Amino acid sequence: MKTEVIEAFAKAYGDSAGVRTFFAPGRVNLIGEHTDYNGGHVFPCALTIGTYAAVRLRDDNICRFYSKNFPEIGVIREGGFANYPLGVVKMLKDAGYNIDKGFDVAYYGDIPYASGLSSSASVEVLTGYFLKELFGLDIENTEIALIGQKCENEFIGVNCGIMDQFIIANGKKDYATFLDTSTLEFSYVPIKLDGMKLIIACTNKKRGLKDSKYNERRAECEQAVKDIGNISFLGELTTEEFEDIKDKINNEVNKKRARHAVYENARTIKACDALKNNDIETFGKLMNESHISLRDDYEVTGIELDTLVSTAWEQEGVIGSRMTGAGFGGCTVSIVKDNYIDDFIFVVGKKYKEKIGYPADFYIVEIGDGPCEI
């Protein structure tokens, strides 16, 4: 991939003399969905697939962007995918960081586009990281993550939480990250999948968070918080506390959204404890419960994700399966015993294509580190 992104740079800009190359991972969230902007816990891990960049400083203030994933677009200075790195540049400058030159950059990612594995957050963290290195910025990876989130919120217009950028910036090989999104306190938990693998299944249904109901779900939760009163986030509530005060929420739909946020947060805490105790069976059951809640209370799954998950639940050797990411398409994550992986991919893929009409893609993934220069 390093060679390919350098070749892409040379094709776009004429030569590759003096380029430096960088990488930032994608991420998959094992459990804890739509809890990050609700002040709850999440439990994601960084992946070994991600986004690569070849970049070279210029002598002027012009920034030019090229992506091998969208070669038909060519070299651009704004709009489309360029808005993600451009937004990061703006947010860094607004925060007082000295970026006094432009640059040429070529990106190339092996994250399935619009899959829910955080290709946009990967680009944002990658851009922040290479700007840190190129300009010698005194900035920690967590602040780079916050810059990426601010880019999404204020420049792109997606009211996302901090999870995606945070785990991409702070990933650790063979560990998941248990993150309290209200405080940004986190701990690493080893993932011991002895005789098992993480399988990502991509629905291949394209989606865009800005055009989806993502912002609507967040607004529904915020209204529930206002109805309850005396709390800042739903993540502050235990399930018992929620049951005591849930009738303060005036709208039945908002009550369902709040119930998911509270119970999903509780599931995530239990899931972390299960992994610490190497209780993978309990972890898998919590994954399944998470999907049911996302399907019934949060209503962000849809026929594509539900087909992949329900078919996965029927297969032998599957420990757990759920949608991952924002929903509305995207991907599922499953834990599958090694001896059953080939059958899992064949059967789930066959039934999905029969029902949906087009194929899903499957990826056997590994847990990797955060951003780096390569």
Protein backbone atom coordinates (compact mmCIF):
# COMPACT_ATOMS: atom_id res chain seq x y z
CA MET A 1 0.00 0.00 0.00
CA LYS A 2 2.88 2.38 0.68
CA THR A 3 4.22 1.83 -2.83
CA GLU A 4 0.76 2.25 -4.32
CA VAL A 5 0.06 5.55 -2.60
CA ILE A 6 3.47 6.91 -3.64
CA GLU A 7 2.76 5.86 -7.22
CA ALA A 8 -0.63 7.57 -6.99
CA PHE A 9 1.08 10.74 -5.79
CA ALA A 10 3.54 10.66 -8.71
CA LYS A 11 0.71 10.14 -11.19
CA ALA A 12 -1.27 13.03 -9.75
CA TYR A 13 1.54 15.54 -9.26
CA GLY A 14 4.23 14.53 -11.77
CA ASP A 15 6.83 13.00 -9.45
CA SER A 16 7.21 11.70 -5.90
CA ALA A 17 10.48 13.33 -4.88
CA GLY A 18 10.55 14.24 -1.19
CA VAL A 19 7.22 12.69 -0.21
CA ARG A 20 6.57 11.27 3.25
CA THR A 21 4.04 8.51 3.81
CA PHE A 22 1.64 8.02 6.72
CA PHE A 23 -1.10 5.62 7.82
CA ALA A 24 -4.20 5.82 10.04
CA PRO A 25 -6.48 2.83 10.71
CA GLY A 26 -10.17 2.30 10.33
CA ARG A 27 -12.11 1.11 13.33
CA VAL A 28 -14.82 -1.30 14.29
CA ASN A 29 -16.96 -0.86 17.37
CA LEU A 30 -17.45 -4.18 19.14
CA ILE A 31 -20.33 -2.89 21.27
CA GLY A 32 -21.64 0.46 22.50
CA GLU A 33 -23.48 1.98 19.53
CA HIS A 34 -24.97 5.48 19.55
CA THR A 35 -23.75 5.87 23.13
CA ASP A 36 -20.83 8.21 22.42
CA TYR A 37 -22.87 11.37 21.92
CA ASN A 38 -25.06 10.25 24.82
CA GLY A 39 -22.16 10.44 27.28
CA GLY A 40 -21.88 6.68 27.64
CA HIS A 41 -19.22 4.03 27.10
CA VAL A 42 -17.98 2.54 23.85
CA PHE A 43 -15.75 -0.44 23.16
CA PRO A 44 -14.06 -0.12 19.75
CA CYS A 45 -10.75 -1.28 18.33
CA ALA A 46 -8.55 0.01 15.53
CA LEU A 47 -8.01 -2.20 12.48
CA THR A 48 -5.03 -3.03 10.31
CA ILE A 49 -6.96 -1.74 7.29
CA GLY A 50 -7.13 2.02 6.95
CA THR A 51 -5.99 5.03 4.94
CA TYR A 52 -2.55 5.85 3.55
CA ALA A 53 -1.23 9.25 2.53
CA ALA A 54 1.77 10.43 0.54
CA VAL A 55 2.34 14.12 1.18
CA ARG A 56 4.82 16.84 0.26
CA LEU A 57 5.00 20.43 1.44
CA ARG A 58 4.74 23.28 -1.05
CA ASP A 59 6.38 26.70 -1.03
CA ASP A 60 3.05 28.52 -1.17
CA ASN A 61 -0.24 28.28 0.74
CA ILE A 62 -2.09 26.08 -1.75
CA CYS A 63 -3.42 22.68 -0.61
CA ARG A 64 -4.18 20.09 -3.27
CA PHE A 65 -5.88 16.75 -2.72
CA TYR A 66 -6.02 13.52 -4.71
CA SER A 67 -7.52 10.14 -3.85
CA LYS A 68 -6.71 6.91 -5.65
CA ASN A 69 -10.10 5.71 -4.47
CA PHE A 70 -11.74 8.42 -6.61
CA PRO A 71 -9.34 8.79 -9.57
CA GLU A 72 -12.05 10.16 -11.82
CA ILE A 73 -12.22 13.29 -9.66
CA GLY A 74 -8.56 14.12 -10.18
CA VAL A 75 -6.65 16.71 -8.15
CA ILE A 76 -8.96 19.10 -6.32
CA ARG A 77 -8.69 21.90 -3.79
CA GLU A 78 -12.14 21.71 -2.19
CA GLY A 79 -15.43 19.85 -2.25
CA GLY A 80 -16.17 16.15 -2.04
CA PHE A 81 -13.65 14.07 -0.10
CA ALA A 82 -11.30 17.07 0.08
CA ASN A 83 -13.60 18.73 2.61
CA TYR A 84 -12.50 16.24 5.30
CA PRO A 85 -8.77 17.11 5.23
CA LEU A 86 -9.56 20.74 4.40
CA GLY A 87 -11.76 20.93 7.49
CA VAL A 88 -8.96 19.53 9.64
CA VAL A 89 -6.57 22.19 8.32
CA LYS A 90 -9.11 24.90 9.14
CA MET A 91 -9.80 23.57 12.64
CA LEU A 92 -6.09 23.32 13.44
CA LYS A 93 -5.53 26.89 12.26
CA ASP A 94 -8.56 28.10 14.21
CA ALA A 95 -7.07 26.43 17.30
CA GLY A 96 -3.88 28.47 16.86
CA TYR A 97 -1.57 25.90 15.28
CA ASN A 98 0.92 27.31 12.80
CA ILE A 99 0.38 25.76 9.37
CA ASP A 100 2.18 28.29 7.20
CA LYS A 101 2.57 26.33 3.97
CA GLY A 102 0.39 24.34 1.65
CA PHE A 103 0.91 20.76 0.60
CA ASP A 104 0.11 18.20 -2.06
CA VAL A 105 -1.32 14.92 -0.81
CA ALA A 106 -2.53 11.64 -2.27
CA TYR A 107 -4.76 9.33 -0.25
CA TYR A 108 -5.45 5.63 -0.73
CA GLY A 109 -7.61 3.58 1.59
CA ASP A 110 -8.52 -0.09 1.84
CA ILE A 111 -11.53 0.60 4.09
CA PRO A 112 -14.72 -0.20 2.16
CA TYR A 113 -16.21 3.20 1.27
CA ALA A 114 -19.37 4.19 3.16
CA SER A 115 -19.21 0.92 5.10
CA GLY A 116 -19.41 2.29 8.62
CA LEU A 117 -15.76 1.47 9.39
CA SER A 118 -14.94 5.16 9.66
CA SER A 119 -13.18 6.00 6.43
CA SER A 120 -13.90 9.71 6.96
CA ALA A 121 -12.57 9.72 10.54
CA SER A 122 -9.51 7.81 9.33
CA VAL A 123 -8.80 10.56 6.79
CA GLU A 124 -9.30 13.24 9.44
CA VAL A 125 -6.95 11.67 11.98
CA LEU A 126 -4.43 10.83 9.26
CA THR A 127 -4.44 14.43 8.08
CA GLY A 128 -4.06 15.80 11.59
CA TYR A 129 -1.23 13.37 12.27
CA PHE A 130 0.80 14.15 9.16
CA LEU A 131 0.32 17.87 9.72
CA LYS A 132 1.64 17.38 13.25
CA GLU A 133 4.72 15.64 11.86
CA LEU A 134 5.32 17.97 8.90
CA PHE A 135 4.94 21.18 10.88
CA GLY A 136 6.23 19.99 14.25
CA LEU A 137 2.95 20.79 15.97
CA ASP A 138 2.80 20.31 19.74
CA ILE A 139 -0.41 18.31 19.75
CA GLU A 140 -1.36 14.98 21.32
CA ASN A 141 -3.27 12.29 19.47
CA THR A 142 -6.38 12.79 21.60
CA GLU A 143 -6.49 16.45 20.58
CA ILE A 144 -6.11 15.39 16.94
CA ALA A 145 -9.19 13.23 17.50
CA LEU A 146 -11.10 16.19 18.92
CA ILE A 147 -10.04 18.30 15.93
CA GLY A 148 -11.40 15.58 13.65
CA GLN A 149 -14.71 15.51 15.51
CA LYS A 150 -14.95 19.29 15.29
CA CYS A 151 -14.33 19.06 11.56
CA GLU A 152 -17.26 16.64 11.23
CA ASN A 153 -19.54 18.75 13.43
CA GLU A 154 -18.78 22.22 12.12
CA PHE A 155 -17.31 21.79 8.64
CA ILE A 156 -19.01 18.66 7.30
CA GLY A 157 -22.29 19.03 9.20
CA VAL A 158 -22.49 15.61 10.88
CA ASN A 159 -23.24 15.88 14.59
CA CYS A 160 -21.11 12.85 15.48
CA GLY A 161 -19.59 11.86 18.80
CA ILE A 162 -15.92 11.37 19.58
CA MET A 163 -15.62 7.58 19.35
CA ASP A 164 -14.42 7.12 15.77
CA GLN A 165 -11.67 9.69 15.81
CA PHE A 166 -10.60 8.77 19.34
CA ILE A 167 -10.02 5.07 18.72
CA ILE A 168 -8.31 5.72 15.38
CA ALA A 169 -5.95 8.17 17.07
CA ASN A 170 -5.30 5.94 20.10
CA GLY A 171 -5.61 2.38 18.82
CA LYS A 172 -3.41 -0.40 20.21
CA LYS A 173 -2.65 -3.70 18.53
CA ASP A 174 -4.62 -6.67 19.93
CA TYR A 175 -6.52 -4.45 22.39
CA ALA A 176 -9.96 -2.90 22.41
CA THR A 177 -10.42 0.51 24.02
CA PHE A 178 -12.99 0.94 26.78
CA LEU A 179 -13.80 4.64 26.58
CA ASP A 180 -16.00 6.81 28.78
CA THR A 181 -17.07 9.40 26.22
CA SER A 182 -18.21 11.87 28.88
CA THR A 183 -14.72 12.17 30.42
CA LEU A 184 -12.45 10.64 27.72
CA GLU A 185 -11.01 8.35 30.38
CA PHE A 186 -10.08 5.06 28.76
CA SER A 187 -8.38 1.74 29.32
CA TYR A 188 -7.05 -0.95 27.02
CA VAL A 189 -8.54 -4.43 27.28
CA PRO A 190 -6.80 -7.37 25.59
CA ILE A 191 -8.80 -9.23 22.96
CA LYS A 192 -8.04 -12.95 23.24
CA LEU A 193 -9.82 -14.59 20.35
CA ASP A 194 -8.19 -17.99 20.66
CA GLY A 195 -9.47 -20.08 17.77
CA MET A 196 -11.80 -17.29 16.62
CA LYS A 197 -11.72 -14.29 14.28
CA LEU A 198 -13.51 -10.99 13.82
CA ILE A 199 -15.46 -11.02 10.55
CA ILE A 200 -16.74 -7.79 9.02
CA ALA A 201 -19.64 -8.15 6.59
CA CYS A 202 -20.31 -5.09 4.44
CA THR A 203 -23.87 -4.64 3.17
CA ASN A 204 -22.65 -2.57 0.19
CA LYS A 205 -25.59 -0.28 0.76
CA LYS A 206 -24.17 3.19 0.33
CA ARG A 207 -25.07 5.75 2.92
CA GLY A 208 -24.08 9.21 4.05
CA LEU A 209 -24.51 10.23 7.67
CA LYS A 210 -25.32 13.80 6.77
CA ASP A 211 -28.23 12.61 4.64
CA SER A 212 -29.34 9.88 7.04
CA LYS A 213 -31.36 10.01 10.24
CA TYR A 214 -28.19 10.17 12.36
CA ASN A 215 -28.70 13.78 13.41
CA GLU A 216 -32.39 13.05 14.00
CA ARG A 217 -31.54 10.27 16.47
CA ARG A 218 -29.24 12.57 18.36
CA ALA A 219 -31.93 15.24 18.57
CA GLU A 220 -34.41 12.68 19.89
CA CYS A 221 -32.02 11.73 22.68
CA GLU A 222 -31.33 15.35 23.52
CA GLN A 223 -35.07 15.97 23.85
CA ALA A 224 -35.34 12.97 26.19
CA VAL A 225 -32.62 14.51 28.37
CA LYS A 226 -34.57 17.79 28.50
CA ASP A 227 -37.75 15.96 29.46
CA ILE A 228 -36.02 14.07 32.26
CA GLY A 229 -34.21 17.12 33.64
CA ASN A 230 -31.29 17.23 36.11
CA ILE A 231 -29.00 15.24 33.81
CA SER A 232 -26.66 16.25 31.02
CA PHE A 233 -26.50 12.90 29.20
CA LEU A 234 -28.49 9.68 29.12
CA GLY A 235 -25.23 7.86 29.85
CA GLU A 236 -25.42 9.13 33.43
CA LEU A 237 -28.36 6.84 34.17
CA THR A 238 -28.30 3.24 35.27
CA THR A 239 -31.01 0.98 33.87
CA GLU A 240 -32.76 1.03 37.25
CA GLU A 241 -32.73 4.82 37.38
CA PHE A 242 -34.05 5.00 33.84
CA GLU A 243 -36.97 2.71 34.64
CA ASP A 244 -37.89 4.95 37.58
CA ILE A 245 -38.00 8.18 35.56
CA LYS A 246 -38.73 7.06 31.98
CA ASP A 247 -42.31 8.30 32.09
CA LYS A 248 -41.00 11.86 32.27
CA ILE A 249 -40.16 11.49 28.58
CA ASN A 250 -43.21 12.86 26.80
CA ASN A 251 -42.80 11.17 23.42
CA GLU A 252 -42.96 7.36 23.09
CA VAL A 253 -40.45 7.35 20.23
CA ASN A 254 -37.98 9.40 22.26
CA LYS A 255 -38.52 7.02 25.17
CA LYS A 256 -37.44 4.10 22.96
CA ARG A 257 -34.34 6.00 21.82
CA ALA A 258 -33.43 6.80 25.43
CA ARG A 259 -33.99 3.20 26.51
CA HIS A 260 -31.49 2.02 23.90
CA ALA A 261 -28.89 4.58 24.98
CA VAL A 262 -29.15 3.64 28.66
CA TYR A 263 -29.30 -0.14 28.21
CA GLU A 264 -26.60 -0.15 25.55
CA ASN A 265 -24.30 1.69 27.92
CA ALA A 266 -24.96 -0.94 30.59
CA ARG A 267 -24.32 -3.72 28.05
CA THR A 268 -21.01 -2.15 27.10
CA ILE A 269 -19.82 -2.07 30.71
CA LYS A 270 -20.84 -5.73 31.11
CA ALA A 271 -19.11 -6.63 27.85
CA CYS A 272 -15.86 -5.07 28.99
CA ASP A 273 -15.99 -7.03 32.22
CA ALA A 274 -16.73 -10.23 30.29
CA LEU A 275 -13.66 -9.79 28.10
CA LYS A 276 -11.49 -9.03 31.12
CA ASN A 277 -12.64 -12.39 32.48
CA ASN A 278 -12.07 -14.02 29.06
CA ASP A 279 -15.80 -14.85 28.95
CA ILE A 280 -16.27 -14.63 25.20
CA GLU A 281 -19.63 -16.42 25.29
CA THR A 282 -21.19 -13.71 27.46
CA PHE A 283 -19.60 -11.07 25.25
CA GLY A 284 -21.26 -12.65 22.22
CA LYS A 285 -24.70 -12.71 23.87
CA LEU A 286 -24.34 -9.01 24.67
CA MET A 287 -23.47 -8.32 21.03
CA ASN A 288 -26.70 -10.03 19.99
CA GLU A 289 -28.73 -8.05 22.53
CA SER A 290 -27.14 -4.86 21.25
CA HIS A 291 -28.35 -5.53 17.71
CA ILE A 292 -31.89 -6.27 18.89
CA SER A 293 -31.97 -2.93 20.73
CA LEU A 294 -30.58 -1.08 17.72
CA ARG A 295 -33.21 -2.76 15.56
CA ASP A 296 -36.25 -2.33 17.79
CA ASP A 297 -35.62 0.71 20.01
CA TYR A 298 -33.21 2.81 17.96
CA GLU A 299 -34.43 1.70 14.53
CA VAL A 300 -31.16 2.16 12.67
CA THR A 301 -30.66 -1.30 11.15
CA GLY A 302 -32.82 -1.95 8.09
CA ILE A 303 -33.32 -5.06 5.99
CA GLU A 304 -29.70 -5.33 4.84
CA LEU A 305 -28.10 -5.32 8.28
CA ASP A 306 -30.89 -7.41 9.79
CA THR A 307 -30.50 -10.04 7.08
CA LEU A 308 -26.77 -10.36 7.69
CA VAL A 309 -27.19 -10.57 11.46
CA SER A 310 -30.19 -12.89 11.61
CA THR A 311 -28.51 -15.26 9.16
CA ALA A 312 -25.30 -15.13 11.19
CA TRP A 313 -27.21 -16.07 14.34
CA GLU A 314 -28.40 -19.24 12.60
CA GLN A 315 -24.87 -20.43 11.78
CA GLU A 316 -22.85 -22.87 13.85
CA GLY A 317 -19.64 -21.48 15.29
CA VAL A 318 -20.92 -17.89 15.64
CA ILE A 319 -20.28 -16.44 19.09
CA GLY A 320 -22.10 -13.17 18.45
CA SER A 321 -23.09 -10.82 15.64
CA ARG A 322 -24.40 -7.26 15.45
CA MET A 323 -24.48 -4.19 13.27
CA THR A 324 -21.59 -1.83 13.88
CA GLY A 325 -21.29 1.86 13.16
CA ALA A 326 -24.14 4.31 12.76
CA GLY A 327 -26.40 1.92 10.89
CA PHE A 328 -28.57 2.77 7.87
CA GLY A 329 -26.42 0.32 5.89
CA GLY A 330 -22.74 -0.20 6.55
CA CYS A 331 -21.40 -3.31 8.24
CA THR A 332 -21.88 -6.05 10.78
CA VAL A 333 -19.23 -7.50 13.06
CA SER A 334 -19.26 -11.15 14.05
CA ILE A 335 -17.04 -13.37 16.18
CA VAL A 336 -16.71 -16.72 14.43
CA LYS A 337 -14.80 -19.85 15.35
CA ASP A 338 -11.97 -20.55 12.90
CA ASN A 339 -13.31 -23.91 11.74
CA TYR A 340 -16.60 -22.35 10.66
CA ILE A 341 -15.39 -19.20 8.88
CA ASP A 342 -15.56 -20.54 5.31
CA ASP A 343 -19.07 -21.92 5.83
CA PHE A 344 -20.13 -18.69 7.55
CA ILE A 345 -19.02 -16.52 4.64
CA PHE A 346 -20.55 -18.84 2.04
CA VAL A 347 -23.94 -19.34 3.68
CA VAL A 348 -24.46 -15.79 4.97
CA GLY A 349 -23.28 -14.38 1.64
CA LYS A 350 -25.58 -16.69 -0.34
CA LYS A 351 -28.69 -15.93 1.70
CA TYR A 352 -27.95 -12.21 1.70
CA LYS A 353 -27.67 -12.05 -2.10
CA GLU A 354 -30.83 -14.13 -2.52
CA LYS A 355 -32.82 -11.77 -0.29
CA ILE A 356 -31.27 -8.37 -1.06
CA GLY A 357 -30.34 -8.88 -4.71
CA TYR A 358 -26.67 -7.91 -4.61
CA PRO A 359 -23.68 -9.39 -2.76
CA ALA A 360 -22.15 -8.52 0.59
CA ASP A 361 -18.39 -8.38 1.06
CA PHE A 362 -16.62 -10.13 3.92
CA TYR A 363 -13.35 -9.21 5.63
CA ILE A 364 -11.39 -11.18 8.20
CA VAL A 365 -9.81 -8.36 10.18
CA GLU A 366 -7.09 -7.93 12.75
CA ILE A 367 -6.77 -5.35 15.52
CA GLY A 368 -4.03 -2.80 14.90
CA ASP A 369 -2.31 0.35 16.15
CA GLY A 370 -3.10 4.03 15.71
CA PRO A 371 -1.55 6.46 13.19
CA CYS A 372 2.10 6.35 12.21
CA GLU A 373 4.63 7.40 9.61
CA ILE A 374 5.66 4.53 7.36
